[in-house]
Amino acid sequence: MSHYPESVQILIDRFATFPGIGKKTAQRLALHVLMAKSEEATQFAKAIMDVKAHIVFCSVCGSITEEDPCHICMDPKRIQDVICIVENPADIFTFERTNNFRGRYHVLGGVLSPLDGVGPEDLNIDKLLNRVSEGMEVVLATNPSVEGDTTSLYLSRLLKEKNVKVSRLARGLPVGSDLEYTDIATLTRALEGRTEL
């Protein structure tokens, strides 16, 4: 049984549903909201409502946007025949911060995970296949996990049937890291992906 008043416990339970937020952090967040000035709490609630009211998924790439299609899909300066495939919209913003990729994107909405009941029909694959054509390049940028690798392998087979150039992000050692603390899988991939100088 909770020792908190019901409304506080409901807020704690809501925060606990967020990814990476445990019960203790949820309690701290709820108590922070409770102790905040009414104006601050109202602005927080309004920000949540505004995001739910104004954000949509881009009908072209699947990213989050306030205007459909999104500004990246509408940008005529973008390279039109290169598409970077990512798992979720947050990945696009990570790439955009680098200022190095000038192509377009496609959001899968997850990865293949048979154990979790996620198959090809659950991902944004059909729309991808309709977007690509012969001679294009597709960069597979799924996370370096078993599910991400499985998804990339599955997509590469489908895309090669369309005579599309398929590439995968290089993997290796993070800048500034020490070999002593590098895990075996990362070190193995770094060796496999070595390039000639």
C-alpha atoms as a PDB file:
ATOM      1  CA  MET A   1       0.000   0.000   0.000  1.00  0.00           C
ATOM      2  CA  SER A   2       1.266   3.470  -0.898  1.00  0.00           C
ATOM      3  CA  HIS A   3       1.981   6.034   1.792  1.00  0.00           C
ATOM      4  CA  TYR A   4       1.473   8.865  -0.693  1.00  0.00           C
ATOM      5  CA  PRO A   5      -1.876  10.559  -1.339  1.00  0.00           C
ATOM      6  CA  GLU A   6      -3.670   8.965  -4.278  1.00  0.00           C
ATOM      7  CA  SER A   7      -3.017  11.802  -6.772  1.00  0.00           C
ATOM      8  CA  VAL A   8       0.717  11.773  -5.975  1.00  0.00           C
ATOM      9  CA  GLN A   9       0.859   7.980  -6.333  1.00  0.00           C
ATOM     10  CA  ILE A  10      -0.866   8.198  -9.720  1.00  0.00           C
ATOM     11  CA  LEU A  11       1.747  10.748 -10.849  1.00  0.00           C
ATOM     12  CA  ILE A  12       4.561   8.487  -9.597  1.00  0.00           C
ATOM     13  CA  ASP A  13       3.038   5.546 -11.476  1.00  0.00           C
ATOM     14  CA  ARG A  14       2.808   7.649 -14.667  1.00  0.00           C
ATOM     15  CA  PHE A  15       6.464   8.713 -14.451  1.00  0.00           C
ATOM     16  CA  ALA A  16       7.469   5.080 -13.794  1.00  0.00           C
ATOM     17  CA  THR A  17       6.101   4.113 -17.222  1.00  0.00           C
ATOM     18  CA  PHE A  18       8.803   6.230 -18.924  1.00  0.00           C
ATOM     19  CA  PRO A  19      11.753   4.276 -20.376  1.00  0.00           C
ATOM     20  CA  GLY A  20      14.692   4.115 -17.988  1.00  0.00           C
ATOM     21  CA  ILE A  21      12.740   5.573 -15.054  1.00  0.00           C
ATOM     22  CA  GLY A  22      12.535   3.369 -11.977  1.00  0.00           C
ATOM     23  CA  LYS A  23      10.309   3.811  -8.911  1.00  0.00           C
ATOM     24  CA  LYS A  24      12.803   5.979  -6.986  1.00  0.00           C
ATOM     25  CA  THR A  25      13.372   8.360  -9.894  1.00  0.00           C
ATOM     26  CA  ALA A  26       9.611   8.460 -10.543  1.00  0.00           C
ATOM     27  CA  GLN A  27       9.089   9.480  -6.908  1.00  0.00           C
ATOM     28  CA  ARG A  28      11.691  12.259  -7.216  1.00  0.00           C
ATOM     29  CA  LEU A  29      10.113  13.556 -10.421  1.00  0.00           C
ATOM     30  CA  ALA A  30       6.599  13.500  -8.959  1.00  0.00           C
ATOM     31  CA  LEU A  31       7.745  15.296  -5.815  1.00  0.00           C
ATOM     32  CA  HIS A  32       9.588  17.862  -7.959  1.00  0.00           C
ATOM     33  CA  VAL A  33       6.362  18.586  -9.850  1.00  0.00           C
ATOM     34  CA  LEU A  34       4.470  18.780  -6.554  1.00  0.00           C
ATOM     35  CA  MET A  35       6.962  21.255  -5.060  1.00  0.00           C
ATOM     36  CA  ALA A  36       7.216  23.373  -8.244  1.00  0.00           C
ATOM     37  CA  LYS A  37       5.348  26.641  -8.526  1.00  0.00           C
ATOM     38  CA  SER A  38       1.893  26.234 -10.031  1.00  0.00           C
ATOM     39  CA  GLU A  39       2.955  28.190 -13.115  1.00  0.00           C
ATOM     40  CA  GLU A  40       5.901  25.844 -13.742  1.00  0.00           C
ATOM     41  CA  ALA A  41       3.704  22.743 -13.352  1.00  0.00           C
ATOM     42  CA  THR A  42       1.111  24.258 -15.675  1.00  0.00           C
ATOM     43  CA  GLN A  43       3.780  24.985 -18.311  1.00  0.00           C
ATOM     44  CA  PHE A  44       5.021  21.386 -18.013  1.00  0.00           C
ATOM     45  CA  ALA A  45       1.485  20.030 -18.495  1.00  0.00           C
ATOM     46  CA  LYS A  46       0.929  22.410 -21.438  1.00  0.00           C
ATOM     47  CA  ALA A  47       4.183  21.248 -23.098  1.00  0.00           C
ATOM     48  CA  ILE A  48       2.951  17.647 -22.921  1.00  0.00           C
ATOM     49  CA  MET A  49      -0.456  18.569 -24.351  1.00  0.00           C
ATOM     50  CA  ASP A  50       1.123  20.680 -27.124  1.00  0.00           C
ATOM     51  CA  VAL A  51       3.409  17.839 -28.205  1.00  0.00           C
ATOM     52  CA  LYS A  52       0.441  15.460 -28.381  1.00  0.00           C
ATOM     53  CA  ALA A  53      -1.631  18.017 -30.304  1.00  0.00           C
ATOM     54  CA  HIS A  54       0.952  19.253 -32.820  1.00  0.00           C
ATOM     55  CA  ILE A  55       3.402  16.447 -33.549  1.00  0.00           C
ATOM     56  CA  VAL A  56       2.637  14.024 -36.382  1.00  0.00           C
ATOM     57  CA  PHE A  57       4.643  11.391 -38.220  1.00  0.00           C
ATOM     58  CA  CYS A  58       5.973  12.447 -41.611  1.00  0.00           C
ATOM     59  CA  SER A  59       4.038  10.641 -44.343  1.00  0.00           C
ATOM     60  CA  VAL A  60       7.252  10.239 -46.367  1.00  0.00           C
ATOM     61  CA  CYS A  61      10.010   9.232 -43.943  1.00  0.00           C
ATOM     62  CA  GLY A  62       8.185   8.501 -40.670  1.00  0.00           C
ATOM     63  CA  SER A  63      10.016  11.116 -38.577  1.00  0.00           C
ATOM     64  CA  ILE A  64       8.281  13.374 -36.084  1.00  0.00           C
ATOM     65  CA  THR A  65       7.274  16.783 -37.373  1.00  0.00           C
ATOM     66  CA  GLU A  66       4.821  19.634 -36.960  1.00  0.00           C
ATOM     67  CA  GLU A  67       4.363  19.909 -40.738  1.00  0.00           C
ATOM     68  CA  ASP A  68       3.785  16.993 -43.084  1.00  0.00           C
ATOM     69  CA  PRO A  69       6.005  16.233 -44.975  1.00  0.00           C
ATOM     70  CA  CYS A  70       8.858  17.155 -42.649  1.00  0.00           C
ATOM     71  CA  HIS A  71      11.431  19.845 -43.456  1.00  0.00           C
ATOM     72  CA  ILE A  72      14.107  17.258 -44.356  1.00  0.00           C
ATOM     73  CA  CYS A  73      11.900  15.516 -46.915  1.00  0.00           C
ATOM     74  CA  MET A  74      10.938  18.906 -48.382  1.00  0.00           C
ATOM     75  CA  ASP A  75      14.514  20.232 -48.594  1.00  0.00           C
ATOM     76  CA  PRO A  76      15.491  20.382 -52.297  1.00  0.00           C
ATOM     77  CA  LYS A  77      19.187  20.621 -51.330  1.00  0.00           C
ATOM     78  CA  ARG A  78      19.135  17.120 -49.863  1.00  0.00           C
ATOM     79  CA  ILE A  79      20.698  14.307 -51.880  1.00  0.00           C
ATOM     80  CA  GLN A  80      17.630  12.598 -53.305  1.00  0.00           C
ATOM     81  CA  ASP A  81      19.097   9.196 -54.150  1.00  0.00           C
ATOM     82  CA  VAL A  82      20.622   8.368 -50.725  1.00  0.00           C
ATOM     83  CA  ILE A  83      18.395   7.182 -47.883  1.00  0.00           C
ATOM     84  CA  CYS A  84      19.593   6.411 -44.366  1.00  0.00           C
ATOM     85  CA  ILE A  85      17.463   3.803 -42.583  1.00  0.00           C
ATOM     86  CA  VAL A  86      17.088   4.314 -38.831  1.00  0.00           C
ATOM     87  CA  GLU A  87      15.126   2.544 -36.109  1.00  0.00           C
ATOM     88  CA  ASN A  88      13.313   5.546 -34.628  1.00  0.00           C
ATOM     89  CA  PRO A  89      12.911   9.317 -35.143  1.00  0.00           C
ATOM     90  CA  ALA A  90      15.425  10.186 -32.397  1.00  0.00           C
ATOM     91  CA  ASP A  91      18.166   8.596 -34.546  1.00  0.00           C
ATOM     92  CA  ILE A  92      17.564  11.196 -37.267  1.00  0.00           C
ATOM     93  CA  PHE A  93      18.310  14.040 -34.873  1.00  0.00           C
ATOM     94  CA  THR A  94      21.522  12.285 -33.812  1.00  0.00           C
ATOM     95  CA  PHE A  95      22.684  12.157 -37.446  1.00  0.00           C
ATOM     96  CA  GLU A  96      21.611  15.745 -38.065  1.00  0.00           C
ATOM     97  CA  ARG A  97      23.806  16.984 -35.207  1.00  0.00           C
ATOM     98  CA  THR A  98      26.879  15.705 -37.088  1.00  0.00           C
ATOM     99  CA  ASN A  99      26.167  17.946 -40.126  1.00  0.00           C
ATOM    100  CA  ASN A 100      27.762  15.207 -42.261  1.00  0.00           C
ATOM    101  CA  PHE A 101      24.801  13.434 -43.841  1.00  0.00           C
ATOM    102  CA  ARG A 102      22.969  15.303 -46.597  1.00  0.00           C
ATOM    103  CA  GLY A 103      20.692  12.532 -47.843  1.00  0.00           C
ATOM    104  CA  ARG A 104      17.196  11.658 -46.700  1.00  0.00           C
ATOM    105  CA  TYR A 105      15.949   9.300 -43.985  1.00  0.00           C
ATOM    106  CA  HIS A 106      13.507   6.488 -43.431  1.00  0.00           C
ATOM    107  CA  VAL A 107      12.261   5.446 -39.979  1.00  0.00           C
ATOM    108  CA  LEU A 108      11.492   1.751 -39.519  1.00  0.00           C
ATOM    109  CA  GLY A 109       9.663   2.178 -36.233  1.00  0.00           C
ATOM    110  CA  GLY A 110      11.682  -0.546 -34.507  1.00  0.00           C
ATOM    111  CA  VAL A 111      13.603  -3.690 -35.407  1.00  0.00           C
ATOM    112  CA  LEU A 112      12.762  -7.293 -36.135  1.00  0.00           C
ATOM    113  CA  SER A 113      12.385  -9.183 -32.873  1.00  0.00           C
ATOM    114  CA  PRO A 114      10.557 -12.513 -33.157  1.00  0.00           C
ATOM    115  CA  LEU A 115      10.791 -13.073 -29.393  1.00  0.00           C
ATOM    116  CA  ASP A 116       8.850  -9.844 -28.854  1.00  0.00           C
ATOM    117  CA  GLY A 117       6.426 -10.627 -31.667  1.00  0.00           C
ATOM    118  CA  VAL A 118       7.804  -7.953 -34.024  1.00  0.00           C
ATOM    119  CA  GLY A 119       7.905  -9.148 -37.631  1.00  0.00           C
ATOM    120  CA  PRO A 120       8.415  -7.403 -40.990  1.00  0.00           C
ATOM    121  CA  GLU A 121       4.718  -6.499 -41.175  1.00  0.00           C
ATOM    122  CA  ASP A 122       5.099  -4.454 -37.960  1.00  0.00           C
ATOM    123  CA  LEU A 123       7.798  -2.207 -39.408  1.00  0.00           C
ATOM    124  CA  ASN A 124       7.685   0.574 -41.993  1.00  0.00           C
ATOM    125  CA  ILE A 125       9.244  -1.638 -44.686  1.00  0.00           C
ATOM    126  CA  ASP A 126       6.617  -1.517 -47.466  1.00  0.00           C
ATOM    127  CA  LYS A 127       6.828   2.277 -47.641  1.00  0.00           C
ATOM    128  CA  LEU A 128      10.633   1.994 -47.822  1.00  0.00           C
ATOM    129  CA  LEU A 129      10.458  -0.427 -50.744  1.00  0.00           C
ATOM    130  CA  ASN A 130       8.126   1.991 -52.539  1.00  0.00           C
ATOM    131  CA  ARG A 131      10.599   4.861 -51.998  1.00  0.00           C
ATOM    132  CA  VAL A 132      13.707   3.191 -53.399  1.00  0.00           C
ATOM    133  CA  SER A 133      14.557   2.632 -57.021  1.00  0.00           C
ATOM    134  CA  GLU A 134      17.432   1.194 -59.024  1.00  0.00           C
ATOM    135  CA  GLY A 135      20.721   3.014 -58.608  1.00  0.00           C
ATOM    136  CA  MET A 136      19.945   4.543 -55.238  1.00  0.00           C
ATOM    137  CA  GLU A 137      22.088   4.041 -52.139  1.00  0.00           C
ATOM    138  CA  VAL A 138      20.575   2.907 -48.856  1.00  0.00           C
ATOM    139  CA  VAL A 139      22.612   3.253 -45.659  1.00  0.00           C
ATOM    140  CA  LEU A 140      21.534   0.787 -42.982  1.00  0.00           C
ATOM    141  CA  ALA A 141      21.932   2.550 -39.629  1.00  0.00           C
ATOM    142  CA  THR A 142      20.259   0.184 -37.211  1.00  0.00           C
ATOM    143  CA  ASN A 143      21.804  -0.257 -33.778  1.00  0.00           C
ATOM    144  CA  PRO A 144      24.647  -2.786 -33.449  1.00  0.00           C
ATOM    145  CA  SER A 145      22.538  -5.364 -31.617  1.00  0.00           C
ATOM    146  CA  VAL A 146      21.343  -8.837 -32.538  1.00  0.00           C
ATOM    147  CA  GLU A 147      17.958  -7.394 -33.550  1.00  0.00           C
ATOM    148  CA  GLY A 148      19.546  -4.470 -35.414  1.00  0.00           C
ATOM    149  CA  ASP A 149      21.900  -6.783 -37.307  1.00  0.00           C
ATOM    150  CA  THR A 150      19.035  -9.167 -38.138  1.00  0.00           C
ATOM    151  CA  THR A 151      16.947  -6.285 -39.437  1.00  0.00           C
ATOM    152  CA  SER A 152      19.832  -4.967 -41.544  1.00  0.00           C
ATOM    153  CA  LEU A 153      20.462  -8.400 -43.042  1.00  0.00           C
ATOM    154  CA  TYR A 154      16.768  -8.813 -43.868  1.00  0.00           C
ATOM    155  CA  LEU A 155      16.582  -5.361 -45.473  1.00  0.00           C
ATOM    156  CA  SER A 156      19.803  -5.786 -47.439  1.00  0.00           C
ATOM    157  CA  ARG A 157      18.393  -8.914 -49.091  1.00  0.00           C
ATOM    158  CA  LEU A 158      15.169  -7.119 -50.033  1.00  0.00           C
ATOM    159  CA  LEU A 159      16.973  -4.033 -51.307  1.00  0.00           C
ATOM    160  CA  LYS A 160      19.535  -5.895 -53.407  1.00  0.00           C
ATOM    161  CA  GLU A 161      16.625  -7.402 -55.355  1.00  0.00           C
ATOM    162  CA  LYS A 162      15.802  -3.833 -56.424  1.00  0.00           C
ATOM    163  CA  ASN A 163      19.389  -3.205 -57.628  1.00  0.00           C
ATOM    164  CA  VAL A 164      20.023  -0.731 -54.830  1.00  0.00           C
ATOM    165  CA  LYS A 165      23.491  -0.097 -53.409  1.00  0.00           C
ATOM    166  CA  VAL A 166      23.336  -1.115 -49.744  1.00  0.00           C
ATOM    167  CA  SER A 167      25.880  -0.007 -47.151  1.00  0.00           C
ATOM    168  CA  ARG A 168      26.118  -0.387 -43.378  1.00  0.00           C
ATOM    169  CA  LEU A 169      27.589   2.028 -40.865  1.00  0.00           C
ATOM    170  CA  ALA A 170      31.193   1.236 -39.971  1.00  0.00           C
ATOM    171  CA  ARG A 171      31.841  -0.013 -36.466  1.00  0.00           C
ATOM    172  CA  GLY A 172      34.836   0.291 -34.277  1.00  0.00           C
ATOM    173  CA  LEU A 173      36.427   1.966 -31.327  1.00  0.00           C
ATOM    174  CA  PRO A 174      34.985   5.174 -29.920  1.00  0.00           C
ATOM    175  CA  VAL A 175      37.259   8.213 -30.133  1.00  0.00           C
ATOM    176  CA  GLY A 176      39.152   8.724 -26.887  1.00  0.00           C
ATOM    177  CA  SER A 177      38.611   5.214 -25.554  1.00  0.00           C
ATOM    178  CA  ASP A 178      41.251   2.877 -24.137  1.00  0.00           C
ATOM    179  CA  LEU A 179      41.762  -0.567 -25.667  1.00  0.00           C
ATOM    180  CA  GLU A 180      42.017  -1.978 -22.164  1.00  0.00           C
ATOM    181  CA  TYR A 181      38.323  -1.187 -21.520  1.00  0.00           C
ATOM    182  CA  THR A 182      36.967  -2.154 -24.938  1.00  0.00           C
ATOM    183  CA  ASP A 183      34.673  -5.159 -25.095  1.00  0.00           C
ATOM    184  CA  ILE A 184      35.611  -8.134 -27.282  1.00  0.00           C
ATOM    185  CA  ALA A 185      32.772  -7.679 -29.809  1.00  0.00           C
ATOM    186  CA  THR A 186      33.680  -4.025 -30.462  1.00  0.00           C
ATOM    187  CA  LEU A 187      37.365  -4.836 -30.801  1.00  0.00           C
ATOM    188  CA  THR A 188      36.588  -7.726 -33.176  1.00  0.00           C
ATOM    189  CA  ARG A 189      34.405  -5.488 -35.370  1.00  0.00           C
ATOM    190  CA  ALA A 190      37.089  -2.795 -35.357  1.00  0.00           C
ATOM    191  CA  LEU A 191      39.638  -5.326 -36.616  1.00  0.00           C
ATOM    192  CA  GLU A 192      37.262  -6.642 -39.279  1.00  0.00           C
ATOM    193  CA  GLY A 193      36.436  -3.120 -40.461  1.00  0.00           C
ATOM    194  CA  ARG A 194      40.010  -1.815 -40.580  1.00  0.00           C
ATOM    195  CA  THR A 195      40.962   0.321 -43.558  1.00  0.00           C
ATOM    196  CA  GLU A 196      44.230   0.808 -45.402  1.00  0.00           C
ATOM    197  CA  LEU A 197      46.084   4.076 -44.785  1.00  0.00           C
END
